[in-house]
Amino acid sequence: MDRKTEVVRKTRETEVRLKLDLDGEGATSVKCEEQFLRHMVETMGRYADFDLTLEAEGDDVHHLVEDVAIVLGKTLKQCLGEYPIERTAFSMIPMDDALVQVAVDIIERPYADVDCPDPLYAHFLRSFAMSSGITLHVMVMRGYDQHHIVEASFKALGKALRSAVRPRKEELSTKDRPKVMER
């Protein structure tokens, strides 16, 4: 099973190149001028145990953050292919004052309910969910430092993804099985 790929997105505003290996060891190399974005992508990759190499540049921070999220989502989707995976997972991460829980369902029903104090990174998380086709919930249980909340969110997302992409022998679904009700 080969669960790695490379995606390139080039627009008038940005150029993003991402190599992703879901069965890696958390080795990351991120080159982009936006240092907080670099830090968050590295953090997610390490906590997910994904190997990823990202090169990204753009005309402004908003376009760069949005397009990195889109490319990350599309790359994840391509890496997964049609292999059966665990599919659902959640993780709760504390970071100083922050406590954040993230839950994912990797299914072709994109949805995002994101509690994030930074609108730019709330947009990142929603864009990632929509482009990967996953259901994503990010819940801030507590915290007041925006940096800690956002970073805890990316750590929890990484850990949840690590569990959700774990291979299974068969698809975890009830759609193809008849529903039996006991009386």
Protein backbone atom coordinates (compact mmCIF):
# COMPACT_ATOMS: atom_id res chain seq x y z
CA MET A 1 0.00 0.00 0.00
CA ASP A 2 1.55 3.27 -1.18
CA ARG A 3 -0.01 6.21 0.65
CA LYS A 4 2.11 9.09 -0.55
CA THR A 5 1.82 11.69 -3.28
CA GLU A 6 2.75 15.18 -4.38
CA VAL A 7 0.39 18.02 -5.28
CA VAL A 8 1.27 21.38 -6.82
CA ARG A 9 -1.08 24.36 -6.94
CA LYS A 10 -0.09 27.45 -8.87
CA THR A 11 -2.40 30.46 -9.09
CA ARG A 12 -1.91 34.18 -9.73
CA GLU A 13 -1.57 34.64 -5.96
CA THR A 14 0.36 31.59 -4.76
CA GLU A 15 2.54 28.63 -5.61
CA VAL A 16 2.33 25.65 -3.25
CA ARG A 17 4.12 22.29 -3.60
CA LEU A 18 3.46 19.53 -1.06
CA LYS A 19 4.83 16.00 -0.79
CA LEU A 20 3.00 13.88 1.77
CA ASP A 21 3.57 10.35 3.08
CA LEU A 22 0.92 9.15 5.52
CA ASP A 23 3.09 6.26 6.68
CA GLY A 24 6.06 8.34 7.68
CA GLU A 25 7.72 9.18 10.97
CA GLY A 26 6.82 12.85 11.37
CA ALA A 27 9.74 14.25 9.35
CA THR A 28 8.83 17.72 8.09
CA SER A 29 10.47 20.34 5.93
CA VAL A 30 8.44 23.50 5.46
CA LYS A 31 9.68 26.51 3.53
CA CYS A 32 7.45 29.57 3.52
CA GLU A 33 7.82 33.18 4.60
CA GLU A 34 4.87 33.08 7.00
CA GLN A 35 6.59 31.66 10.09
CA PHE A 36 3.47 30.88 12.12
CA LEU A 37 2.02 28.92 9.19
CA ARG A 38 5.31 27.05 8.88
CA HIS A 39 5.20 26.23 12.59
CA MET A 40 1.56 25.00 12.45
CA VAL A 41 2.10 22.76 9.39
CA GLU A 42 5.25 21.28 10.95
CA THR A 43 3.38 20.72 14.21
CA MET A 44 0.47 18.96 12.53
CA GLY A 45 2.85 16.77 10.48
CA ARG A 46 4.87 15.74 13.51
CA TYR A 47 1.84 14.90 15.64
CA ALA A 48 0.30 12.94 12.75
CA ASP A 49 3.57 11.08 12.05
CA PHE A 50 3.25 12.21 8.42
CA ASP A 51 6.37 12.92 6.40
CA LEU A 52 5.76 16.16 4.56
CA THR A 53 7.75 18.59 2.47
CA LEU A 54 6.11 21.94 1.74
CA GLU A 55 7.30 24.87 -0.33
CA ALA A 56 4.88 27.79 -0.43
CA GLU A 57 4.97 31.41 -1.47
CA GLY A 58 2.25 33.94 -2.04
CA ASP A 59 1.33 37.56 -2.52
CA ASP A 60 -0.25 37.95 0.94
CA VAL A 61 -0.74 35.98 4.14
CA HIS A 62 -4.45 35.22 3.60
CA HIS A 63 -3.92 33.71 0.13
CA LEU A 64 -0.91 31.74 1.33
CA VAL A 65 -2.68 30.27 4.38
CA GLU A 66 -5.80 29.41 2.36
CA ASP A 67 -3.91 27.74 -0.50
CA VAL A 68 -1.67 25.72 1.81
CA ALA A 69 -4.82 24.42 3.52
CA ILE A 70 -6.41 23.53 0.16
CA VAL A 71 -3.28 21.72 -1.04
CA LEU A 72 -2.91 19.89 2.27
CA GLY A 73 -6.53 18.71 2.06
CA LYS A 74 -6.28 17.59 -1.58
CA THR A 75 -3.01 15.79 -0.91
CA LEU A 76 -4.44 13.94 2.09
CA LYS A 77 -7.43 12.86 0.01
CA GLN A 78 -5.18 11.58 -2.81
CA CYS A 79 -2.91 9.70 -0.38
CA LEU A 80 -5.85 7.85 1.14
CA GLY A 81 -7.18 6.52 -2.16
CA GLU A 82 -9.72 3.75 -1.68
CA TYR A 83 -7.94 1.88 1.10
CA PRO A 84 -10.06 1.05 4.17
CA ILE A 85 -9.05 3.14 7.19
CA GLU A 86 -10.11 3.58 10.80
CA ARG A 87 -11.97 6.68 9.58
CA THR A 88 -13.03 8.40 12.83
CA ALA A 89 -10.87 9.67 15.66
CA PHE A 90 -10.50 12.45 18.19
CA SER A 91 -7.77 13.95 20.33
CA MET A 92 -7.71 16.38 23.22
CA ILE A 93 -4.54 18.42 23.73
CA PRO A 94 -3.57 20.71 26.61
CA MET A 95 -1.07 23.50 26.00
CA ASP A 96 -0.54 25.75 28.98
CA ASP A 97 -3.85 27.64 29.39
CA ALA A 98 -5.42 26.03 26.31
CA LEU A 99 -7.37 22.79 26.13
CA VAL A 100 -8.61 21.85 22.65
CA GLN A 101 -10.45 18.80 21.32
CA VAL A 102 -10.50 17.86 17.63
CA ALA A 103 -12.67 15.14 16.11
CA VAL A 104 -12.51 13.92 12.49
CA ASP A 105 -14.50 11.62 10.27
CA ILE A 106 -12.71 10.90 7.00
CA ILE A 107 -15.68 10.41 4.76
CA GLU A 108 -16.83 12.15 1.61
CA ARG A 109 -19.11 14.54 3.51
CA PRO A 110 -17.12 17.74 4.01
CA TYR A 111 -18.18 19.73 7.06
CA ALA A 112 -16.33 21.97 9.48
CA ASP A 113 -17.40 23.40 12.81
CA VAL A 114 -14.31 25.25 13.99
CA ASP A 115 -13.98 27.10 17.28
CA CYS A 116 -10.81 29.16 16.79
CA PRO A 117 -10.05 32.68 18.06
CA ASP A 118 -7.89 33.52 15.03
CA PRO A 119 -10.08 34.04 11.93
CA LEU A 120 -7.21 33.25 9.56
CA TYR A 121 -6.54 29.85 11.12
CA ALA A 122 -10.26 29.12 11.49
CA HIS A 123 -10.34 29.68 7.71
CA PHE A 124 -7.33 27.35 7.30
CA LEU A 125 -9.08 24.55 9.18
CA ARG A 126 -12.35 24.98 7.26
CA SER A 127 -10.52 25.10 3.90
CA PHE A 128 -8.59 21.96 4.83
CA ALA A 129 -11.79 20.10 5.74
CA MET A 130 -13.61 21.15 2.57
CA SER A 131 -10.75 20.27 0.21
CA SER A 132 -10.07 16.90 1.87
CA GLY A 133 -13.77 16.02 2.11
CA ILE A 134 -13.66 15.27 5.83
CA THR A 135 -15.89 16.18 8.74
CA LEU A 136 -13.92 18.28 11.23
CA HIS A 137 -14.90 19.60 14.65
CA VAL A 138 -12.54 21.81 16.66
CA MET A 139 -13.71 22.66 20.17
CA VAL A 140 -11.87 25.00 22.51
CA MET A 141 -12.59 23.73 26.00
CA ARG A 142 -10.68 26.59 27.62
CA GLY A 143 -7.85 29.01 27.05
CA TYR A 144 -7.10 32.68 26.56
CA ASP A 145 -3.79 32.83 24.68
CA GLN A 146 -4.63 32.70 20.95
CA HIS A 147 -1.24 31.23 20.04
CA HIS A 148 -1.70 28.37 22.50
CA ILE A 149 -5.26 27.67 21.31
CA VAL A 150 -4.29 27.57 17.64
CA GLU A 151 -1.21 25.44 18.28
CA ALA A 152 -3.16 23.00 20.49
CA SER A 153 -5.71 22.76 17.65
CA PHE A 154 -3.03 21.74 15.14
CA LYS A 155 -1.49 19.25 17.57
CA ALA A 156 -4.90 17.69 18.23
CA LEU A 157 -5.68 17.63 14.50
CA GLY A 158 -2.41 15.81 13.85
CA LYS A 159 -3.06 13.19 16.53
CA ALA A 160 -6.65 12.66 15.38
CA LEU A 161 -5.55 12.25 11.76
CA ARG A 162 -2.84 9.79 12.78
CA SER A 163 -5.49 7.55 14.36
CA ALA A 164 -8.14 8.07 11.66
CA VAL A 165 -5.88 7.15 8.70
CA ARG A 166 -4.73 3.89 10.30
CA PRO A 167 -5.34 1.06 7.79
CA ARG A 168 -8.09 -1.51 8.44
CA LYS A 169 -8.90 -4.85 6.83
CA GLU A 170 -12.34 -3.65 5.75
CA GLU A 171 -14.25 -0.41 5.53
CA LEU A 172 -15.90 0.72 8.75
CA SER A 173 -19.45 1.50 7.65
CA THR A 174 -23.01 0.37 8.21
CA LYS A 175 -24.26 1.50 4.78
CA ASP A 176 -23.90 -1.90 3.08
CA ARG A 177 -25.20 -3.99 5.97
CA PRO A 178 -28.89 -4.55 6.62
CA LYS A 179 -30.14 -2.89 9.76
CA VAL A 180 -31.53 -5.47 12.21
CA MET A 181 -33.65 -4.39 15.13
CA GLU A 182 -34.09 -6.74 18.08
CA ARG A 183 -37.43 -6.80 19.86
